[in-house]
Amino acid sequence: MKAICPGSFDPVTFGHLDVIERSAAMFDEVVVAVGRNMAKNGLFTPTERVEMITECTQDIPGVTATTFSGLLVDFSREQGIGVIAKGLRFGADFDYELQMAQMNGHLTGVETIFLPTSPQWSFVSSSLVREVATLSGDISALVPDAVADRVRAKLAERSG
């Protein structure tokens, strides 16, 4: 059975990787899907995000990364994927994600499973990682080394 882990992953964090790895333990294949139109002011392009995810998940069997546009449920149906796997950090995530899961189920019947974030990653989000990095803070405990290097390089490139 195949599952999809959708998100913006700008950048991919240890929290994301935890959910991806746990999903891979439950499903034969896991497609990590980066939305093309998400976060218009993102730090990385969708293609760069897929590259980072691919690099960070190369040792997890059955995991691939790609981009998608349009409705996630349409992409899932086209790919023969019947389960959406989502990580939840706190209650507000649940409120939003439950509504999305119910809409996705209504549209195509796709099921959504929720994985509670491991406690050590519950405070980590891509937006906080970007903010800390932008203010010259240390993100090395929040993202893989290769991702931290890319974040620093991208911020240096943008600052001139």
Foldseek 3Di string as FASTA:
>chain_A
DEEEEEDQPLPPWVQNVVQVLVVLVVDQAYEYEHEQPPPPVGLDHQVVNQVQVCVVCVVRPRYHYDYDYDDPLVVCVVVVHQEYEYEDLDDVSCVVVVVVQVVSCVVPNRHYDYDYGDVVCSVDDSVVLLVCVLVVHDCPVIHPPVVSVVSNVSSVVVVD
